[in-house]
């Protein structure tokens, strides 16, 4: 079998931000939203070998693990639709890792989804789905 490799130069022809920049924008908007709701953001983009948690916050009584999904359009559906059952299970496992890492013996945990629509030229829209899973 013969493999052919080549270098492809990608030129952006739209004013849409890169996926990475879009994700960062969504996480910043989500964090601002949570602070506006009176929550304290404890961690952003917490990573371990098994994956990453987007935002971890607290209301003083419970830990709130937020999955942030950002879209620049609806071609692939609403942002919150991307939080599948498999993704939810992974987030739950990662939350357990976070609790163990920071030696939090026990506290109630809530799992939220923050959906951010960032259509080019429009004001970003943030939807906070409390207790999403």
C-alpha atoms as a PDB file:
ATOM      1  CA  UNK A   1       0.000   0.000   0.000  1.00  0.00           C
ATOM      2  CA  UNK A   2       1.358   3.412  -0.906  1.00  0.00           C
ATOM      3  CA  UNK A   3       0.726   6.463   1.219  1.00  0.00           C
ATOM      4  CA  UNK A   4       0.855   9.926  -0.242  1.00  0.00           C
ATOM      5  CA  UNK A   5       1.295  12.946   1.949  1.00  0.00           C
ATOM      6  CA  UNK A   6       1.085  16.558   1.007  1.00  0.00           C
ATOM      7  CA  UNK A   7       0.998  19.939   2.626  1.00  0.00           C
ATOM      8  CA  UNK A   8      -2.200  21.876   2.194  1.00  0.00           C
ATOM      9  CA  UNK A   9      -2.362  25.573   2.885  1.00  0.00           C
ATOM     10  CA  UNK A  10      -5.707  26.595   4.330  1.00  0.00           C
ATOM     11  CA  UNK A  11      -6.885  30.100   3.559  1.00  0.00           C
ATOM     12  CA  UNK A  12      -9.880  31.417   5.442  1.00  0.00           C
ATOM     13  CA  UNK A  13     -12.307  33.135   3.123  1.00  0.00           C
ATOM     14  CA  UNK A  14     -14.922  34.074   5.706  1.00  0.00           C
ATOM     15  CA  UNK A  15     -14.928  36.331   8.715  1.00  0.00           C
ATOM     16  CA  UNK A  16     -15.772  33.409  10.999  1.00  0.00           C
ATOM     17  CA  UNK A  17     -13.345  32.860  13.864  1.00  0.00           C
ATOM     18  CA  UNK A  18     -11.366  29.630  14.142  1.00  0.00           C
ATOM     19  CA  UNK A  19     -12.924  26.818  16.183  1.00  0.00           C
ATOM     20  CA  UNK A  20     -10.423  27.421  18.970  1.00  0.00           C
ATOM     21  CA  UNK A  21     -11.130  31.158  19.102  1.00  0.00           C
ATOM     22  CA  UNK A  22     -14.881  30.500  18.976  1.00  0.00           C
ATOM     23  CA  UNK A  23     -14.606  28.062  21.884  1.00  0.00           C
ATOM     24  CA  UNK A  24     -12.567  30.525  23.947  1.00  0.00           C
ATOM     25  CA  UNK A  25     -15.106  33.256  23.276  1.00  0.00           C
ATOM     26  CA  UNK A  26     -17.944  30.978  24.377  1.00  0.00           C
ATOM     27  CA  UNK A  27     -16.156  29.969  27.581  1.00  0.00           C
ATOM     28  CA  UNK A  28     -15.414  33.609  28.420  1.00  0.00           C
ATOM     29  CA  UNK A  29     -19.067  34.569  27.854  1.00  0.00           C
ATOM     30  CA  UNK A  30     -20.186  31.574  29.948  1.00  0.00           C
ATOM     31  CA  UNK A  31     -17.859  32.547  32.806  1.00  0.00           C
ATOM     32  CA  UNK A  32     -19.117  36.144  32.708  1.00  0.00           C
ATOM     33  CA  UNK A  33     -22.692  34.862  32.752  1.00  0.00           C
ATOM     34  CA  UNK A  34     -22.002  32.656  35.791  1.00  0.00           C
ATOM     35  CA  UNK A  35     -20.358  35.526  37.669  1.00  0.00           C
ATOM     36  CA  UNK A  36     -23.384  37.672  36.815  1.00  0.00           C
ATOM     37  CA  UNK A  37     -25.563  35.006  38.442  1.00  0.00           C
ATOM     38  CA  UNK A  38     -23.551  35.371  41.662  1.00  0.00           C
ATOM     39  CA  UNK A  39     -21.467  32.218  41.198  1.00  0.00           C
ATOM     40  CA  UNK A  40     -17.738  31.957  41.831  1.00  0.00           C
ATOM     41  CA  UNK A  41     -15.726  30.382  39.031  1.00  0.00           C
ATOM     42  CA  UNK A  42     -13.209  27.953  40.565  1.00  0.00           C
ATOM     43  CA  UNK A  43     -11.599  26.462  37.447  1.00  0.00           C
ATOM     44  CA  UNK A  44     -11.636  26.884  33.696  1.00  0.00           C
ATOM     45  CA  UNK A  45     -10.373  24.306  31.226  1.00  0.00           C
ATOM     46  CA  UNK A  46      -9.344  21.875  33.968  1.00  0.00           C
ATOM     47  CA  UNK A  47      -7.528  18.937  32.390  1.00  0.00           C
ATOM     48  CA  UNK A  48      -6.459  15.470  33.372  1.00  0.00           C
ATOM     49  CA  UNK A  49      -5.514  12.411  31.323  1.00  0.00           C
ATOM     50  CA  UNK A  50      -9.169  11.487  30.759  1.00  0.00           C
ATOM     51  CA  UNK A  51     -10.289  14.842  29.381  1.00  0.00           C
ATOM     52  CA  UNK A  52     -11.260  18.388  30.209  1.00  0.00           C
ATOM     53  CA  UNK A  53     -13.941  20.217  32.180  1.00  0.00           C
ATOM     54  CA  UNK A  54     -14.877  23.611  30.736  1.00  0.00           C
ATOM     55  CA  UNK A  55     -15.996  25.562  33.810  1.00  0.00           C
ATOM     56  CA  UNK A  56     -16.314  24.603  37.460  1.00  0.00           C
ATOM     57  CA  UNK A  57     -18.114  27.051  39.715  1.00  0.00           C
ATOM     58  CA  UNK A  58     -19.817  27.191  43.094  1.00  0.00           C
ATOM     59  CA  UNK A  59     -22.794  28.959  44.597  1.00  0.00           C
ATOM     60  CA  UNK A  60     -21.391  28.416  48.090  1.00  0.00           C
ATOM     61  CA  UNK A  61     -23.481  25.310  48.662  1.00  0.00           C
ATOM     62  CA  UNK A  62     -22.721  23.034  45.726  1.00  0.00           C
ATOM     63  CA  UNK A  63     -20.221  22.454  42.965  1.00  0.00           C
ATOM     64  CA  UNK A  64     -21.516  23.370  39.526  1.00  0.00           C
ATOM     65  CA  UNK A  65     -19.858  21.680  36.554  1.00  0.00           C
ATOM     66  CA  UNK A  66     -20.645  23.484  33.310  1.00  0.00           C
ATOM     67  CA  UNK A  67     -20.183  22.119  29.826  1.00  0.00           C
ATOM     68  CA  UNK A  68     -19.953  25.026  27.385  1.00  0.00           C
ATOM     69  CA  UNK A  69     -20.953  24.515  23.762  1.00  0.00           C
ATOM     70  CA  UNK A  70     -20.512  27.333  21.281  1.00  0.00           C
ATOM     71  CA  UNK A  71     -21.713  27.521  17.693  1.00  0.00           C
ATOM     72  CA  UNK A  72     -21.440  30.172  14.994  1.00  0.00           C
ATOM     73  CA  UNK A  73     -24.471  28.813  13.152  1.00  0.00           C
ATOM     74  CA  UNK A  74     -27.136  26.119  13.256  1.00  0.00           C
ATOM     75  CA  UNK A  75     -25.807  23.934  10.451  1.00  0.00           C
ATOM     76  CA  UNK A  76     -24.893  21.259  13.007  1.00  0.00           C
ATOM     77  CA  UNK A  77     -27.855  21.900  15.306  1.00  0.00           C
ATOM     78  CA  UNK A  78     -28.200  23.824  18.544  1.00  0.00           C
ATOM     79  CA  UNK A  79     -25.085  23.902  20.743  1.00  0.00           C
ATOM     80  CA  UNK A  80     -26.709  22.001  23.599  1.00  0.00           C
ATOM     81  CA  UNK A  81     -27.563  19.100  21.278  1.00  0.00           C
ATOM     82  CA  UNK A  82     -23.846  18.226  21.186  1.00  0.00           C
ATOM     83  CA  UNK A  83     -23.903  17.157  24.860  1.00  0.00           C
ATOM     84  CA  UNK A  84     -24.683  13.498  24.228  1.00  0.00           C
ATOM     85  CA  UNK A  85     -25.151  10.752  26.811  1.00  0.00           C
ATOM     86  CA  UNK A  86     -21.541   9.639  26.266  1.00  0.00           C
ATOM     87  CA  UNK A  87     -20.329  13.203  26.830  1.00  0.00           C
ATOM     88  CA  UNK A  88     -22.440  13.445  29.987  1.00  0.00           C
ATOM     89  CA  UNK A  89     -20.937  10.225  31.356  1.00  0.00           C
ATOM     90  CA  UNK A  90     -17.411  11.504  30.659  1.00  0.00           C
ATOM     91  CA  UNK A  91     -18.165  14.820  32.384  1.00  0.00           C
ATOM     92  CA  UNK A  92     -19.459  12.958  35.453  1.00  0.00           C
ATOM     93  CA  UNK A  93     -16.254  10.880  35.596  1.00  0.00           C
ATOM     94  CA  UNK A  94     -14.113  13.982  35.199  1.00  0.00           C
ATOM     95  CA  UNK A  95     -16.034  15.745  37.973  1.00  0.00           C
ATOM     96  CA  UNK A  96     -15.125  12.827  40.254  1.00  0.00           C
ATOM     97  CA  UNK A  97     -11.475  13.293  39.280  1.00  0.00           C
ATOM     98  CA  UNK A  98     -11.693  17.017  40.025  1.00  0.00           C
ATOM     99  CA  UNK A  99     -13.197  16.317  43.454  1.00  0.00           C
ATOM    100  CA  UNK A 100     -10.446  13.783  44.216  1.00  0.00           C
ATOM    101  CA  UNK A 101      -7.680  16.099  42.977  1.00  0.00           C
ATOM    102  CA  UNK A 102      -8.837  18.946  45.210  1.00  0.00           C
ATOM    103  CA  UNK A 103      -9.648  16.537  48.065  1.00  0.00           C
ATOM    104  CA  UNK A 104     -13.269  17.549  48.312  1.00  0.00           C
ATOM    105  CA  UNK A 105     -14.695  14.707  50.382  1.00  0.00           C
ATOM    106  CA  UNK A 106     -18.340  15.319  49.643  1.00  0.00           C
ATOM    107  CA  UNK A 107     -20.527  18.055  48.285  1.00  0.00           C
ATOM    108  CA  UNK A 108     -23.614  18.193  46.097  1.00  0.00           C
ATOM    109  CA  UNK A 109     -22.753  18.495  42.397  1.00  0.00           C
ATOM    110  CA  UNK A 110     -24.945  19.967  39.687  1.00  0.00           C
ATOM    111  CA  UNK A 111     -24.297  19.559  35.970  1.00  0.00           C
ATOM    112  CA  UNK A 112     -25.262  22.483  33.737  1.00  0.00           C
ATOM    113  CA  UNK A 113     -24.911  23.198  30.033  1.00  0.00           C
ATOM    114  CA  UNK A 114     -24.240  26.682  28.736  1.00  0.00           C
ATOM    115  CA  UNK A 115     -25.090  27.065  25.054  1.00  0.00           C
ATOM    116  CA  UNK A 116     -23.629  30.056  23.248  1.00  0.00           C
ATOM    117  CA  UNK A 117     -24.757  31.177  19.801  1.00  0.00           C
ATOM    118  CA  UNK A 118     -22.147  33.448  18.189  1.00  0.00           C
ATOM    119  CA  UNK A 119     -23.476  34.076  14.705  1.00  0.00           C
ATOM    120  CA  UNK A 120     -21.223  36.451  12.743  1.00  0.00           C
ATOM    121  CA  UNK A 121     -22.468  40.024  13.015  1.00  0.00           C
ATOM    122  CA  UNK A 122     -25.015  39.219  15.736  1.00  0.00           C
ATOM    123  CA  UNK A 123     -24.921  39.733  19.477  1.00  0.00           C
ATOM    124  CA  UNK A 124     -23.922  36.457  21.172  1.00  0.00           C
ATOM    125  CA  UNK A 125     -26.800  34.671  22.904  1.00  0.00           C
ATOM    126  CA  UNK A 126     -26.138  32.677  26.097  1.00  0.00           C
ATOM    127  CA  UNK A 127     -28.571  29.997  27.296  1.00  0.00           C
ATOM    128  CA  UNK A 128     -27.879  28.460  30.712  1.00  0.00           C
ATOM    129  CA  UNK A 129     -29.548  25.087  31.179  1.00  0.00           C
ATOM    130  CA  UNK A 130     -29.481  24.472  34.934  1.00  0.00           C
ATOM    131  CA  UNK A 131     -29.369  20.822  36.015  1.00  0.00           C
ATOM    132  CA  UNK A 132     -29.163  19.674  32.407  1.00  0.00           C
ATOM    133  CA  UNK A 133     -28.128  16.146  33.375  1.00  0.00           C
END
